[in-house]
Protein backbone atom coordinates (compact mmCIF):
# COMPACT_ATOMS: atom_id res chain seq x y z
CA MET A 1 238.41 224.00 252.80
CA SER A 2 237.14 224.52 256.36
CA ARG A 3 239.49 225.61 259.04
CA LEU A 4 237.81 223.45 261.62
CA PRO A 5 239.79 220.23 260.68
CA VAL A 6 243.16 222.02 260.67
CA THR A 7 242.20 223.64 264.04
CA LEU A 8 241.37 220.19 265.63
CA LEU A 9 244.54 218.60 264.22
CA ALA A 10 246.67 221.54 265.42
CA ALA A 11 245.06 221.13 268.81
CA TRP A 12 245.94 217.42 268.80
CA LEU A 13 249.51 218.27 267.95
CA LEU A 14 249.84 220.82 270.69
CA ILE A 15 248.13 218.49 273.34
CA ALA A 16 250.64 215.65 272.20
CA LEU A 17 253.59 218.12 272.53
CA ALA A 18 252.28 219.44 275.92
CA GLY A 19 252.15 215.76 277.13
CA GLN A 20 255.92 215.52 276.56
CA VAL A 21 256.81 218.90 278.14
CA LEU A 22 254.32 219.40 281.01
CA PRO A 23 255.10 217.54 284.30
CA LEU A 24 252.25 215.25 284.00
CA THR A 25 251.64 212.30 286.22
CA PRO A 26 249.35 209.84 284.10
CA ASN A 27 250.32 206.82 286.18
CA GLU A 28 250.08 208.33 289.75
CA ILE A 29 247.51 206.32 291.81
CA ASP A 30 245.45 208.34 294.15
CA LEU A 31 242.78 206.35 296.10
CA GLU A 32 241.03 209.47 297.22
CA GLN A 33 240.30 210.41 293.52
CA LEU A 34 238.68 206.98 292.60
CA PHE A 35 236.05 207.71 289.94
CA ALA A 36 236.38 211.44 290.60
CA PRO A 37 233.60 213.29 288.48
CA PRO A 38 234.95 215.89 285.74
CA PHE A 39 235.35 219.49 286.62
CA SER A 40 236.83 218.75 290.01
CA ALA A 41 239.71 220.83 291.33
CA ALA A 42 242.29 217.95 291.50
CA ARG A 43 240.96 215.93 288.41
CA PRO A 44 239.64 218.41 285.63
CA LEU A 45 238.41 215.39 283.49
CA GLY A 46 237.89 213.17 286.45
CA GLY A 47 239.71 210.15 287.77
CA ASP A 48 239.71 206.54 286.61
CA GLU A 49 239.35 203.32 288.70
CA LEU A 50 242.75 203.82 290.32
CA GLY A 51 242.26 207.56 290.74
CA ARG A 52 244.66 208.53 287.99
CA SER A 53 244.04 211.84 286.11
CA LEU A 54 242.10 211.33 283.00
CA LEU A 55 243.50 214.67 281.67
CA ASP A 56 247.03 213.53 282.22
CA ARG A 57 246.29 210.28 280.57
CA LEU A 58 244.37 211.80 277.71
CA PHE A 59 247.48 214.18 276.87
CA THR A 60 249.86 211.20 277.10
CA GLY A 61 247.62 209.13 274.74
CA ALA A 62 247.55 212.05 272.30
CA GLY A 63 251.36 211.74 272.09
CA ILE A 64 251.13 207.89 271.55
CA SER A 65 248.54 208.17 268.77
CA LEU A 66 250.60 210.99 267.14
CA LEU A 67 253.84 209.01 267.21
CA VAL A 68 252.34 205.79 265.87
CA ALA A 69 250.40 207.68 263.14
CA GLY A 70 253.29 209.91 262.10
CA VAL A 71 255.87 207.13 261.91
CA SER A 72 253.63 204.51 260.28
CA VAL A 73 252.30 207.02 257.64
CA SER A 74 255.77 208.22 256.82
CA VAL A 75 257.16 204.66 256.35
CA SER A 76 254.13 203.51 254.46
CA ALA A 77 254.16 206.45 252.08
CA THR A 78 257.83 206.12 251.46
CA ILE A 79 257.92 202.48 250.75
CA GLY A 80 254.53 202.49 248.85
CA THR A 81 255.42 205.57 246.69
CA ALA A 82 258.85 204.08 245.74
CA LEU A 83 257.27 200.79 244.57
CA GLY A 84 254.56 202.51 242.77
CA LEU A 85 256.89 204.63 240.87
CA LEU A 86 258.99 201.77 239.91
CA ALA A 87 256.21 199.61 238.78
CA GLY A 88 254.38 202.40 237.01
CA TYR A 89 257.33 203.65 235.00
CA LEU A 90 259.57 200.58 234.38
CA GLY A 91 256.62 198.23 233.76
CA GLY A 92 257.41 194.63 232.71
CA ALA A 93 258.56 192.14 235.33
CA VAL A 94 258.75 195.00 238.02
CA ASP A 95 255.11 196.02 237.45
CA ARG A 96 253.87 192.48 237.47
CA VAL A 97 255.64 191.67 240.81
CA VAL A 98 254.55 194.81 242.51
CA SER A 99 251.01 194.47 241.13
CA ARG A 100 250.75 190.82 242.39
CA LEU A 101 252.04 192.05 245.91
CA ILE A 102 249.40 194.62 245.91
CA GLU A 103 246.74 192.09 245.01
CA ILE A 104 247.84 189.65 247.78
CA PHE A 105 247.82 192.36 250.49
CA LEU A 106 244.47 193.63 249.30
CA ALA A 107 243.04 190.15 249.66
CA PHE A 108 243.32 190.54 253.53
CA PRO A 109 241.38 192.99 255.50
CA GLY A 110 243.68 195.73 256.49
CA LEU A 111 242.85 195.87 260.21
CA LEU A 112 242.73 192.00 260.43
CA LEU A 113 246.23 191.71 259.03
CA ALA A 114 247.43 194.43 261.48
CA ILE A 115 245.96 192.41 264.31
CA ALA A 116 247.56 189.15 263.07
CA LEU A 117 250.88 190.77 262.72
CA ALA A 118 250.78 192.54 266.04
CA ALA A 119 249.69 189.20 267.80
CA PHE A 120 252.57 187.41 266.10
CA LEU A 121 255.17 190.15 266.81
CA GLY A 122 253.95 190.70 270.36
CA PRO A 123 252.62 193.98 271.90
CA GLY A 124 254.49 197.31 271.93
CA ILE A 125 254.61 200.56 270.11
CA GLY A 126 257.39 199.50 267.81
CA ASN A 127 255.41 196.35 266.60
CA VAL A 128 252.30 198.37 266.21
CA VAL A 129 254.08 200.85 263.92
CA LEU A 130 255.53 197.86 262.05
CA ALA A 131 252.24 196.17 261.72
CA LEU A 132 250.49 199.30 260.36
CA SER A 133 253.31 200.06 258.03
CA VAL A 134 252.96 196.60 256.51
CA MET A 135 249.46 197.17 256.09
CA GLY A 136 249.53 200.80 254.94
CA TRP A 137 251.93 200.86 252.04
CA VAL A 138 249.56 199.17 249.57
CA GLY A 139 247.36 202.17 249.08
CA TYR A 140 250.29 204.50 248.29
CA ALA A 141 251.78 201.93 245.92
CA ARG A 142 248.49 201.46 244.14
CA LEU A 143 247.91 205.24 243.91
CA ALA A 144 251.40 206.08 242.61
CA ARG A 145 251.47 203.34 240.14
CA ASN A 146 248.10 204.35 238.63
CA GLN A 147 249.12 207.97 238.42
CA VAL A 148 252.47 207.20 236.85
CA LEU A 149 250.84 204.98 234.26
CA SER A 150 248.85 208.21 233.04
CA LEU A 151 251.73 210.63 233.48
CA ARG A 152 254.57 208.92 231.87
CA HIS A 153 253.28 209.72 228.31
CA ARG A 154 252.96 213.46 228.86
CA ASP A 155 255.10 215.72 226.82
CA HIS A 156 257.52 216.92 229.38
CA VAL A 157 258.29 213.29 230.39
CA LEU A 158 258.80 212.18 226.71
CA ALA A 159 261.05 215.35 226.17
CA ALA A 160 263.08 214.41 229.29
CA VAL A 161 263.63 210.80 227.83
CA ALA A 162 264.63 212.30 224.41
CA LEU A 163 267.19 214.48 226.19
CA GLY A 164 268.73 211.45 227.76
CA ARG A 165 267.50 211.66 231.26
CA GLY A 166 267.83 208.41 233.19
CA PRO A 167 264.85 206.60 234.78
CA VAL A 168 265.80 207.81 238.39
CA ALA A 169 265.94 211.44 237.37
CA ILE A 170 262.79 211.23 235.42
CA MET A 171 260.92 209.65 238.45
CA ARG A 172 262.42 212.04 240.98
CA LEU A 173 262.24 215.37 238.91
CA HIS A 174 259.19 214.97 236.55
CA LEU A 175 256.93 212.31 238.03
CA LEU A 176 257.22 212.58 241.83
CA PRO A 177 256.30 216.39 242.03
CA LEU A 178 252.98 215.56 240.10
CA LEU A 179 252.18 212.83 242.68
CA LEU A 180 252.54 214.84 245.84
CA ALA A 181 249.02 216.17 245.76
CA PRO A 182 247.15 212.91 245.65
CA LEU A 183 249.65 211.34 247.91
CA LEU A 184 249.04 214.15 250.32
CA VAL A 185 245.47 213.41 250.29
CA GLU A 186 246.09 209.68 250.73
CA ALA A 187 248.31 210.55 253.72
CA SER A 188 245.62 212.47 255.29
CA TYR A 189 243.26 209.40 255.25
CA GLY A 190 246.14 207.27 256.39
CA VAL A 191 246.60 209.38 259.55
CA ALA A 192 242.87 208.69 260.41
CA SER A 193 243.22 205.02 259.70
CA ALA A 194 246.51 204.77 261.75
CA VAL A 195 244.97 206.62 264.72
CA ILE A 196 241.85 204.35 264.96
CA ALA A 197 244.03 201.13 264.10
CA GLU A 198 246.35 201.97 267.03
CA ALA A 199 243.51 202.52 269.31
CA GLY A 200 241.92 199.27 268.21
CA LEU A 201 244.98 197.36 268.75
CA SER A 202 245.54 198.87 272.23
CA PHE A 203 241.86 198.03 273.07
CA LEU A 204 242.52 194.52 272.23
CA GLY A 205 245.73 194.42 274.42
CA LEU A 206 247.95 194.25 271.36
CA GLY A 207 249.30 197.81 271.40
CA VAL A 208 250.47 200.06 274.35
CA GLN A 209 250.81 198.11 277.45
CA PRO A 210 249.69 199.06 281.07
CA PRO A 211 250.25 201.38 282.74
CA GLN A 212 251.15 203.33 279.72
CA ALA A 213 248.25 205.36 278.59
CA SER A 214 246.60 205.09 275.13
CA TRP A 215 243.21 206.25 273.92
CA GLY A 216 242.28 202.71 273.06
CA SER A 217 243.45 201.18 276.36
CA MET A 218 241.49 203.89 278.36
CA ILE A 219 238.42 202.95 276.64
CA ARG A 220 239.04 199.25 277.29
CA GLU A 221 239.65 200.08 280.93
CA GLY A 222 236.64 202.33 281.11
CA VAL A 223 234.03 199.92 279.49
CA ARG A 224 233.69 197.98 282.74
CA TYR A 225 232.56 201.02 284.59
CA LEU A 226 230.35 202.61 281.86
CA LEU A 227 227.25 202.64 283.89
CA VAL A 228 228.80 204.13 286.93
CA ALA A 229 231.60 206.39 285.37
CA PRO A 230 230.89 207.10 281.74
CA HIS A 231 233.43 209.86 281.61
CA LEU A 232 236.09 207.13 281.56
CA VAL A 233 235.08 206.25 278.00
CA LEU A 234 233.64 209.56 276.80
CA ALA A 235 236.81 211.51 277.26
CA PRO A 236 239.14 209.28 275.16
CA GLY A 237 236.28 208.32 272.84
CA ILE A 238 235.37 211.95 272.01
CA ALA A 239 239.15 212.85 271.54
CA LEU A 240 239.66 209.90 269.21
CA SER A 241 236.48 210.64 267.22
CA LEU A 242 237.46 214.29 266.80
CA VAL A 243 240.94 213.46 265.54
CA VAL A 244 239.68 210.71 263.08
CA LEU A 245 236.90 213.02 261.89
CA ALA A 246 239.26 216.10 261.30
CA ALA A 247 241.82 213.93 259.44
CA ASN A 248 239.20 212.72 257.09
CA ARG A 249 237.53 216.07 256.60
CA LEU A 250 241.03 217.45 255.86
CA GLY A 251 241.65 214.67 253.22
CA ASP A 252 238.20 215.56 251.65
CA GLY A 253 239.11 219.37 251.63
CA LEU A 254 242.55 218.73 250.12
CA ARG A 255 241.13 216.46 247.41
CA ASP A 256 238.47 219.20 246.48
CA ARG A 257 241.18 221.85 246.22
CA LEU A 258 244.04 220.02 244.69
CA ASP A 259 242.32 217.84 242.14
CA SER A 260 241.53 220.40 239.40
CA ARG A 261 239.30 218.02 237.50
CA LEU A 262 237.06 217.72 240.66
CA SER A 263 237.17 221.40 241.06
CA ARG A 264 236.03 222.03 237.55
CA THR A 265 233.20 219.44 237.93
CA TYR A 266 231.90 221.32 240.92
CA ALA A 267 232.32 224.75 239.52
């Protein structure tokens, strides 16, 4: 697995943490720095249409994207894995209900559903996290259910049943550990989806609200001045692309390393 995706994601994490620790002024207006070009002394990445520091706003936007991605993926993975475990192991009515819920949510395009929920709930980080969590649990539930359906007939699970282990103990001790590898891969792809979805919602005005900085809102504000100040779009656009690409590449690398069947195929 390449080290580049890990390096880029670690840089994203450090930048997000630095944005919370360093004395940044992302909302400070300086009319003398209107559309300041990059690499200037006062504005290393340039200034926007209000003279605000693009570097400070980029650091702040990294923290917003990390917060939204981390919380929404954690909530989605927890809910989806729990439902998938229950549906796959218990079967019967539980499996039918969960399967119908999965089919209903899959009938709607994920980002479109997130936009509708964010528009209904109103703008704000909390509502963005809620909308992305409602959208994101389906993938984890479907993955966990399908994996459990193939794992519940293995010898160690049948032995645990014969020894009198209860369903909760079997799911927690004998099935969940075997699901961690594919769920980790799914979570990596989920981070990429959450980052780009948060940026998309903020671009549409349904996410982070001005003057708070977000990569999506920075791109929206810079589009109007693309011909005269392209760095307003290039800085957050490149950062967004690198994070999404790194998360997807990390997922590919983890899949190749953790899936033994795929490793044998490519051996």
